[in-house]
Amino acid sequence: MEKEKSCIKYPCEFPLKVMGLNTELFEAEMRKVFETLVTGPITYAKQQSKNGKYVSITATFTAVSREQLDALYRALHGHKLVVMTL
């Protein structure tokens, strides 16, 4: 089977946003996922929803491969605390 071509040139800076309920546990768990699958520095930005029930965390890091991004999306999408990933 032929590999799909990617529009992304690696390595590159990549922002990945994850959303869930606004709890300390959510932020701690998301950091664990990123720090397990990303080598190198990660910057985090956090934004609450208008009513404060939800929070989005954007992690920006140097993506090294399509496989790395796929693994991150799978780990985040399958996490019980995650509502949505972008």
PDB file of N, CA and C in Angstrom:
ATOM      1  N   MET A   1       0.838  -1.185   0.000  1.00  0.00           N
ATOM      2  CA  MET A   1       0.000   0.000   0.000  1.00  0.00           C
ATOM      3  C   MET A   1       0.882   1.247   0.000  1.00  0.00           C
ATOM      4  N   GLU A   2       0.570   2.186  -0.849  1.00  0.00           N
ATOM      5  CA  GLU A   2       1.360   3.402  -0.979  1.00  0.00           C
ATOM      6  C   GLU A   2       1.034   4.376   0.148  1.00  0.00           C
ATOM      7  N   LYS A   3       2.072   5.009   0.721  1.00  0.00           N
ATOM      8  CA  LYS A   3       1.875   5.992   1.775  1.00  0.00           C
ATOM      9  C   LYS A   3       1.205   7.234   1.215  1.00  0.00           C
ATOM     10  N   GLU A   4       0.275   7.812   2.008  1.00  0.00           N
ATOM     11  CA  GLU A   4      -0.349   9.076   1.622  1.00  0.00           C
ATOM     12  C   GLU A   4       0.691  10.182   1.704  1.00  0.00           C
ATOM     13  N   LYS A   5       0.635  11.100   0.752  1.00  0.00           N
ATOM     14  CA  LYS A   5       1.527  12.252   0.801  1.00  0.00           C
ATOM     15  C   LYS A   5       0.925  13.291   1.741  1.00  0.00           C
ATOM     16  N   SER A   6       1.792  13.965   2.461  1.00  0.00           N
ATOM     17  CA  SER A   6       1.356  14.977   3.410  1.00  0.00           C
ATOM     18  C   SER A   6       1.642  16.364   2.857  1.00  0.00           C
ATOM     19  N   CYS A   7       0.747  17.291   3.152  1.00  0.00           N
ATOM     20  CA  CYS A   7       0.964  18.693   2.774  1.00  0.00           C
ATOM     21  C   CYS A   7       1.904  19.377   3.763  1.00  0.00           C
ATOM     22  N   ILE A   8       2.149  18.726   4.867  1.00  0.00           N
ATOM     23  CA  ILE A   8       2.990  19.290   5.915  1.00  0.00           C
ATOM     24  C   ILE A   8       4.429  18.847   5.691  1.00  0.00           C
ATOM     25  N   LYS A   9       5.345  19.788   5.778  1.00  0.00           N
ATOM     26  CA  LYS A   9       6.784  19.496   5.675  1.00  0.00           C
ATOM     27  C   LYS A   9       7.354  19.400   7.088  1.00  0.00           C
ATOM     28  N   TYR A  10       7.904  18.257   7.422  1.00  0.00           N
ATOM     29  CA  TYR A  10       8.452  18.016   8.763  1.00  0.00           C
ATOM     30  C   TYR A  10       9.955  18.230   8.767  1.00  0.00           C
ATOM     31  N   PRO A  11      10.490  18.657   9.898  1.00  0.00           N
ATOM     32  CA  PRO A  11       9.830  19.094  11.129  1.00  0.00           C
ATOM     33  C   PRO A  11       9.213  20.480  10.954  1.00  0.00           C
ATOM     34  N   CYS A  12       8.173  20.757  11.748  1.00  0.00           N
ATOM     35  CA  CYS A  12       7.508  22.065  11.679  1.00  0.00           C
ATOM     36  C   CYS A  12       6.824  22.379  13.011  1.00  0.00           C
ATOM     37  N   GLU A  13       6.625  23.666  13.249  1.00  0.00           N
ATOM     38  CA  GLU A  13       5.878  24.077  14.434  1.00  0.00           C
ATOM     39  C   GLU A  13       4.417  23.733  14.195  1.00  0.00           C
ATOM     40  N   PHE A  14       3.778  23.106  15.179  1.00  0.00           N
ATOM     41  CA  PHE A  14       2.415  22.629  14.997  1.00  0.00           C
ATOM     42  C   PHE A  14       1.583  22.941  16.232  1.00  0.00           C
ATOM     43  N   PRO A  15       0.485  23.681  16.069  1.00  0.00           N
ATOM     44  CA  PRO A  15      -0.421  23.914  17.194  1.00  0.00           C
ATOM     45  C   PRO A  15      -1.539  22.872  17.177  1.00  0.00           C
ATOM     46  N   LEU A  16      -1.786  22.257  18.312  1.00  0.00           N
ATOM     47  CA  LEU A  16      -2.862  21.276  18.416  1.00  0.00           C
ATOM     48  C   LEU A  16      -3.749  21.688  19.588  1.00  0.00           C
ATOM     49  N   LYS A  17      -5.043  21.826  19.325  1.00  0.00           N
ATOM     50  CA  LYS A  17      -5.978  22.293  20.336  1.00  0.00           C
ATOM     51  C   LYS A  17      -6.847  21.141  20.818  1.00  0.00           C
ATOM     52  N   VAL A  18      -7.017  21.069  22.133  1.00  0.00           N
ATOM     53  CA  VAL A  18      -7.859  20.049  22.749  1.00  0.00           C
ATOM     54  C   VAL A  18      -8.814  20.737  23.723  1.00  0.00           C
ATOM     55  N   MET A  19     -10.067  20.274  23.760  1.00  0.00           N
ATOM     56  CA  MET A  19     -11.075  20.908  24.609  1.00  0.00           C
ATOM     57  C   MET A  19     -11.724  19.894  25.541  1.00  0.00           C
ATOM     58  N   GLY A  20     -12.057  20.359  26.747  1.00  0.00           N
ATOM     59  CA  GLY A  20     -12.719  19.522  27.739  1.00  0.00           C
ATOM     60  C   GLY A  20     -13.280  20.369  28.860  1.00  0.00           C
ATOM     61  N   LEU A  21     -13.810  19.698  29.886  1.00  0.00           N
ATOM     62  CA  LEU A  21     -14.343  20.428  31.041  1.00  0.00           C
ATOM     63  C   LEU A  21     -13.220  21.177  31.748  1.00  0.00           C
ATOM     64  N   ASN A  22     -13.541  22.334  32.277  1.00  0.00           N
ATOM     65  CA  ASN A  22     -12.563  23.202  32.928  1.00  0.00           C
ATOM     66  C   ASN A  22     -12.255  22.685  34.333  1.00  0.00           C
ATOM     67  N   THR A  23     -11.326  21.721  34.407  1.00  0.00           N
ATOM     68  CA  THR A  23     -10.893  21.178  35.690  1.00  0.00           C
ATOM     69  C   THR A  23      -9.368  21.105  35.704  1.00  0.00           C
ATOM     70  N   GLU A  24      -8.807  21.075  36.896  1.00  0.00           N
ATOM     71  CA  GLU A  24      -7.350  20.927  37.011  1.00  0.00           C
ATOM     72  C   GLU A  24      -6.905  19.578  36.459  1.00  0.00           C
ATOM     73  N   LEU A  25      -7.722  18.550  36.651  1.00  0.00           N
ATOM     74  CA  LEU A  25      -7.391  17.218  36.163  1.00  0.00           C
ATOM     75  C   LEU A  25      -7.258  17.217  34.642  1.00  0.00           C
ATOM     76  N   PHE A  26      -8.151  17.928  33.945  1.00  0.00           N
ATOM     77  CA  PHE A  26      -8.098  17.966  32.486  1.00  0.00           C
ATOM     78  C   PHE A  26      -6.755  18.509  32.011  1.00  0.00           C
ATOM     79  N   GLU A  27      -6.350  19.636  32.556  1.00  0.00           N
ATOM     80  CA  GLU A  27      -5.085  20.239  32.127  1.00  0.00           C
ATOM     81  C   GLU A  27      -3.901  19.325  32.438  1.00  0.00           C
ATOM     82  N   ALA A  28      -3.877  18.726  33.606  1.00  0.00           N
ATOM     83  CA  ALA A  28      -2.777  17.840  33.985  1.00  0.00           C
ATOM     84  C   ALA A  28      -2.717  16.615  33.072  1.00  0.00           C
ATOM     85  N   GLU A  29      -3.861  16.035  32.776  1.00  0.00           N
ATOM     86  CA  GLU A  29      -3.907  14.853  31.911  1.00  0.00           C
ATOM     87  C   GLU A  29      -3.467  15.180  30.485  1.00  0.00           C
ATOM     88  N   MET A  30      -3.865  16.332  29.972  1.00  0.00           N
ATOM     89  CA  MET A  30      -3.485  16.701  28.609  1.00  0.00           C
ATOM     90  C   MET A  30      -1.982  16.945  28.520  1.00  0.00           C
ATOM     91  N   ARG A  31      -1.417  17.572  29.546  1.00  0.00           N
ATOM     92  CA  ARG A  31       0.039  17.773  29.560  1.00  0.00           C
ATOM     93  C   ARG A  31       0.773  16.430  29.547  1.00  0.00           C
ATOM     94  N   LYS A  32       0.248  15.459  30.300  1.00  0.00           N
ATOM     95  CA  LYS A  32       0.858  14.118  30.320  1.00  0.00           C
ATOM     96  C   LYS A  32       0.870  13.504  28.926  1.00  0.00           C
ATOM     97  N   VAL A  33      -0.250  13.604  28.221  1.00  0.00           N
ATOM     98  CA  VAL A  33      -0.338  13.028  26.873  1.00  0.00           C
ATOM     99  C   VAL A  33       0.692  13.677  25.963  1.00  0.00           C
ATOM    100  N   PHE A  34       0.738  15.013  25.950  1.00  0.00           N
ATOM    101  CA  PHE A  34       1.681  15.715  25.076  1.00  0.00           C
ATOM    102  C   PHE A  34       3.123  15.382  25.445  1.00  0.00           C
ATOM    103  N   GLU A  35       3.428  15.394  26.728  1.00  0.00           N
ATOM    104  CA  GLU A  35       4.811  15.186  27.144  1.00  0.00           C
ATOM    105  C   GLU A  35       5.267  13.738  26.941  1.00  0.00           C
ATOM    106  N   THR A  36       4.336  12.816  26.799  1.00  0.00           N
ATOM    107  CA  THR A  36       4.672  11.432  26.499  1.00  0.00           C
ATOM    108  C   THR A  36       5.038  11.257  25.025  1.00  0.00           C
ATOM    109  N   LEU A  37       4.368  12.014  24.141  1.00  0.00           N
ATOM    110  CA  LEU A  37       4.528  11.796  22.702  1.00  0.00           C
ATOM    111  C   LEU A  37       5.344  12.860  21.975  1.00  0.00           C
ATOM    112  N   VAL A  38       5.727  13.919  22.684  1.00  0.00           N
ATOM    113  CA  VAL A  38       6.485  15.009  22.052  1.00  0.00           C
ATOM    114  C   VAL A  38       7.829  15.146  22.748  1.00  0.00           C
ATOM    115  N   THR A  39       8.890  15.164  21.951  1.00  0.00           N
ATOM    116  CA  THR A  39      10.204  15.465  22.515  1.00  0.00           C
ATOM    117  C   THR A  39      10.493  16.919  22.200  1.00  0.00           C
ATOM    118  N   GLY A  40      11.145  17.577  23.087  1.00  0.00           N
ATOM    119  CA  GLY A  40      11.432  18.994  22.871  1.00  0.00           C
ATOM    120  C   GLY A  40      10.426  19.869  23.584  1.00  0.00           C
ATOM    121  N   PRO A  41      10.629  21.177  23.473  1.00  0.00           N
ATOM    122  CA  PRO A  41       9.780  22.116  24.208  1.00  0.00           C
ATOM    123  C   PRO A  41       8.338  22.161  23.669  1.00  0.00           C
ATOM    124  N   ILE A  42       7.422  22.383  24.595  1.00  0.00           N
ATOM    125  CA  ILE A  42       6.006  22.541  24.271  1.00  0.00           C
ATOM    126  C   ILE A  42       5.537  23.807  24.961  1.00  0.00           C
ATOM    127  N   THR A  43       4.842  24.671  24.236  1.00  0.00           N
ATOM    128  CA  THR A  43       4.217  25.826  24.881  1.00  0.00           C
ATOM    129  C   THR A  43       2.720  25.578  24.936  1.00  0.00           C
ATOM    130  N   TYR A  44       2.114  25.995  26.044  1.00  0.00           N
ATOM    131  CA  TYR A  44       0.692  25.785  26.261  1.00  0.00           C
ATOM    132  C   TYR A  44      -0.012  27.130  26.391  1.00  0.00           C
ATOM    133  N   ALA A  45      -1.179  27.223  25.772  1.00  0.00           N
ATOM    134  CA  ALA A  45      -2.049  28.379  25.942  1.00  0.00           C
ATOM    135  C   ALA A  45      -3.419  27.845  26.326  1.00  0.00           C
ATOM    136  N   LYS A  46      -4.049  28.492  27.287  1.00  0.00           N
ATOM    137  CA  LYS A  46      -5.326  28.018  27.811  1.00  0.00           C
ATOM    138  C   LYS A  46      -6.370  29.116  27.668  1.00  0.00           C
ATOM    139  N   GLN A  47      -7.584  28.722  27.270  1.00  0.00           N
ATOM    140  CA  GLN A  47      -8.672  29.694  27.162  1.00  0.00           C
ATOM    141  C   GLN A  47      -9.968  29.051  27.631  1.00  0.00           C
ATOM    142  N   GLN A  48     -10.657  29.751  28.531  1.00  0.00           N
ATOM    143  CA  GLN A  48     -11.940  29.273  29.030  1.00  0.00           C
ATOM    144  C   GLN A  48     -13.067  29.660  28.089  1.00  0.00           C
ATOM    145  N   SER A  49     -14.136  28.852  28.116  1.00  0.00           N
ATOM    146  CA  SER A  49     -15.331  29.208  27.363  1.00  0.00           C
ATOM    147  C   SER A  49     -15.990  30.406  28.038  1.00  0.00           C
ATOM    148  N   LYS A  50     -16.951  30.997  27.361  1.00  0.00           N
ATOM    149  CA  LYS A  50     -17.611  32.203  27.877  1.00  0.00           C
ATOM    150  C   LYS A  50     -18.203  31.984  29.266  1.00  0.00           C
ATOM    151  N   ASN A  51     -18.819  30.836  29.484  1.00  0.00           N
ATOM    152  CA  ASN A  51     -19.428  30.587  30.798  1.00  0.00           C
ATOM    153  C   ASN A  51     -18.488  29.879  31.773  1.00  0.00           C
ATOM    154  N   GLY A  52     -17.270  29.521  31.326  1.00  0.00           N
ATOM    155  CA  GLY A  52     -16.275  28.921  32.190  1.00  0.00           C
ATOM    156  C   GLY A  52     -16.395  27.425  32.395  1.00  0.00           C
ATOM    157  N   LYS A  53     -17.383  26.789  31.763  1.00  0.00           N
ATOM    158  CA  LYS A  53     -17.563  25.342  31.939  1.00  0.00           C
ATOM    159  C   LYS A  53     -16.486  24.535  31.214  1.00  0.00           C
ATOM    160  N   TYR A  54     -16.046  25.023  30.059  1.00  0.00           N
ATOM    161  CA  TYR A  54     -15.071  24.312  29.236  1.00  0.00           C
ATOM    162  C   TYR A  54     -13.784  25.111  29.120  1.00  0.00           C
ATOM    163  N   VAL A  55     -12.728  24.414  28.742  1.00  0.00           N
ATOM    164  CA  VAL A  55     -11.439  25.063  28.520  1.00  0.00           C
ATOM    165  C   VAL A  55     -10.808  24.438  27.281  1.00  0.00           C
ATOM    166  N   SER A  56     -10.096  25.267  26.521  1.00  0.00           N
ATOM    167  CA  SER A  56      -9.298  24.729  25.416  1.00  0.00           C
ATOM    168  C   SER A  56      -7.834  24.953  25.759  1.00  0.00           C
ATOM    169  N   ILE A  57      -7.049  23.953  25.432  1.00  0.00           N
ATOM    170  CA  ILE A  57      -5.603  24.031  25.634  1.00  0.00           C
ATOM    171  C   ILE A  57      -4.958  23.841  24.267  1.00  0.00           C
ATOM    172  N   THR A  58      -4.170  24.827  23.870  1.00  0.00           N
ATOM    173  CA  THR A  58      -3.429  24.716  22.616  1.00  0.00           C
ATOM    174  C   THR A  58      -1.975  24.443  22.960  1.00  0.00           C
ATOM    175  N   ALA A  59      -1.498  23.302  22.494  1.00  0.00           N
ATOM    176  CA  ALA A  59      -0.094  22.934  22.688  1.00  0.00           C
ATOM    177  C   ALA A  59       0.618  23.164  21.358  1.00  0.00           C
ATOM    178  N   THR A  60       1.688  23.937  21.384  1.00  0.00           N
ATOM    179  CA  THR A  60       2.477  24.199  20.181  1.00  0.00           C
ATOM    180  C   THR A  60       3.846  23.554  20.385  1.00  0.00           C
ATOM    181  N   PHE A  61       4.254  22.775  19.397  1.00  0.00           N
ATOM    182  CA  PHE A  61       5.484  21.993  19.510  1.00  0.00           C
ATOM    183  C   PHE A  61       6.043  21.751  18.114  1.00  0.00           C
ATOM    184  N   THR A  62       7.218  21.183  18.047  1.00  0.00           N
ATOM    185  CA  THR A  62       7.809  20.826  16.768  1.00  0.00           C
ATOM    186  C   THR A  62       7.385  19.402  16.426  1.00  0.00           C
ATOM    187  N   ALA A  63       6.527  19.287  15.424  1.00  0.00           N
ATOM    188  CA  ALA A  63       6.083  17.977  14.948  1.00  0.00           C
ATOM    189  C   ALA A  63       7.179  17.406  14.059  1.00  0.00           C
ATOM    190  N   VAL A  64       7.493  16.135  14.264  1.00  0.00           N
ATOM    191  CA  VAL A  64       8.582  15.531  13.495  1.00  0.00           C
ATOM    192  C   VAL A  64       8.101  14.565  12.419  1.00  0.00           C
ATOM    193  N   SER A  65       6.837  14.117  12.499  1.00  0.00           N
ATOM    194  CA  SER A  65       6.349  13.170  11.495  1.00  0.00           C
ATOM    195  C   SER A  65       4.833  13.066  11.519  1.00  0.00           C
ATOM    196  N   ARG A  66       4.287  12.547  10.455  1.00  0.00           N
ATOM    197  CA  ARG A  66       2.847  12.273  10.373  1.00  0.00           C
ATOM    198  C   ARG A  66       2.462  11.233  11.420  1.00  0.00           C
ATOM    199  N   GLU A  67       3.325  10.254  11.629  1.00  0.00           N
ATOM    200  CA  GLU A  67       3.061   9.203  12.606  1.00  0.00           C
ATOM    201  C   GLU A  67       2.933   9.782  14.017  1.00  0.00           C
ATOM    202  N   GLN A  68       3.767  10.761  14.335  1.00  0.00           N
ATOM    203  CA  GLN A  68       3.693  11.405  15.644  1.00  0.00           C
ATOM    204  C   GLN A  68       2.353  12.115  15.806  1.00  0.00           C
ATOM    205  N   LEU A  69       1.949  12.869  14.793  1.00  0.00           N
ATOM    206  CA  LEU A  69       0.670  13.579  14.866  1.00  0.00           C
ATOM    207  C   LEU A  69      -0.497  12.606  14.954  1.00  0.00           C
ATOM    208  N   ASP A  70      -0.452  11.539  14.181  1.00  0.00           N
ATOM    209  CA  ASP A  70      -1.508  10.527  14.245  1.00  0.00           C
ATOM    210  C   ASP A  70      -1.606   9.936  15.643  1.00  0.00           C
ATOM    211  N   ALA A  71      -0.467   9.638  16.257  1.00  0.00           N
ATOM    212  CA  ALA A  71      -0.458   9.069  17.608  1.00  0.00           C
ATOM    213  C   ALA A  71      -1.041  10.053  18.619  1.00  0.00           C
ATOM    214  N   LEU A  72      -0.706  11.328  18.475  1.00  0.00           N
ATOM    215  CA  LEU A  72      -1.263  12.346  19.370  1.00  0.00           C
ATOM    216  C   LEU A  72      -2.775  12.444  19.217  1.00  0.00           C
ATOM    217  N   TYR A  73      -3.256  12.527  17.981  1.00  0.00           N
ATOM    218  CA  TYR A  73      -4.695  12.626  17.761  1.00  0.00           C
ATOM    219  C   TYR A  73      -5.421  11.398  18.299  1.00  0.00           C
ATOM    220  N   ARG A  74      -4.857  10.210  18.110  1.00  0.00           N
ATOM    221  CA  ARG A  74      -5.486   8.990  18.638  1.00  0.00           C
ATOM    222  C   ARG A  74      -5.542   9.023  20.164  1.00  0.00           C
ATOM    223  N   ALA A  75      -4.437   9.404  20.799  1.00  0.00           N
ATOM    224  CA  ALA A  75      -4.380   9.443  22.262  1.00  0.00           C
ATOM    225  C   ALA A  75      -5.361  10.465  22.822  1.00  0.00           C
ATOM    226  N   LEU A  76      -5.439  11.629  22.187  1.00  0.00           N
ATOM    227  CA  LEU A  76      -6.336  12.673  22.675  1.00  0.00           C
ATOM    228  C   LEU A  76      -7.799  12.338  22.392  1.00  0.00           C
ATOM    229  N   HIS A  77      -8.071  11.893  21.189  1.00  0.00           N
ATOM    230  CA  HIS A  77      -9.446  11.574  20.804  1.00  0.00           C
ATOM    231  C   HIS A  77     -10.020  10.443  21.667  1.00  0.00           C
ATOM    232  N   GLY A  78      -9.181   9.485  22.056  1.00  0.00           N
ATOM    233  CA  GLY A  78      -9.631   8.376  22.855  1.00  0.00           C
ATOM    234  C   GLY A  78      -9.660   8.640  24.360  1.00  0.00           C
ATOM    235  N   HIS A  79      -9.203   9.805  24.781  1.00  0.00           N
ATOM    236  CA  HIS A  79      -9.143  10.129  26.215  1.00  0.00           C
ATOM    237  C   HIS A  79     -10.535  10.476  26.726  1.00  0.00           C
ATOM    238  N   LYS A  80     -10.908   9.918  27.876  1.00  0.00           N
ATOM    239  CA  LYS A  80     -12.257  10.105  28.423  1.00  0.00           C
ATOM    240  C   LYS A  80     -12.581  11.551  28.810  1.00  0.00           C
ATOM    241  N   LEU A  81     -11.564  12.391  29.041  1.00  0.00           N
ATOM    242  CA  LEU A  81     -11.811  13.778  29.429  1.00  0.00           C
ATOM    243  C   LEU A  81     -11.918  14.734  28.249  1.00  0.00           C
ATOM    244  N   VAL A  82     -11.597  14.271  27.060  1.00  0.00           N
ATOM    245  CA  VAL A  82     -11.571  15.143  25.871  1.00  0.00           C
ATOM    246  C   VAL A  82     -12.943  15.217  25.220  1.00  0.00           C
ATOM    247  N   VAL A  83     -13.376  16.443  24.955  1.00  0.00           N
ATOM    248  CA  VAL A  83     -14.631  16.668  24.252  1.00  0.00           C
ATOM    249  C   VAL A  83     -14.375  16.811  22.746  1.00  0.00           C
ATOM    250  N   MET A  84     -13.261  17.494  22.389  1.00  0.00           N
ATOM    251  CA  MET A  84     -12.968  17.740  20.975  1.00  0.00           C
ATOM    252  C   MET A  84     -11.490  18.055  20.794  1.00  0.00           C
ATOM    253  N   THR A  85     -10.951  17.674  19.621  1.00  0.00           N
ATOM    254  CA  THR A  85      -9.584  18.057  19.269  1.00  0.00           C
ATOM    255  C   THR A  85      -9.614  18.763  17.916  1.00  0.00           C
ATOM    256  N   LEU A  86      -8.747  19.730  17.754  1.00  0.00           N
ATOM    257  CA  LEU A  86      -8.615  20.457  16.491  1.00  0.00           C
ATOM    258  C   LEU A  86      -7.138  20.562  16.138  1.00  0.00           C
TER     259      LEU A  86
END
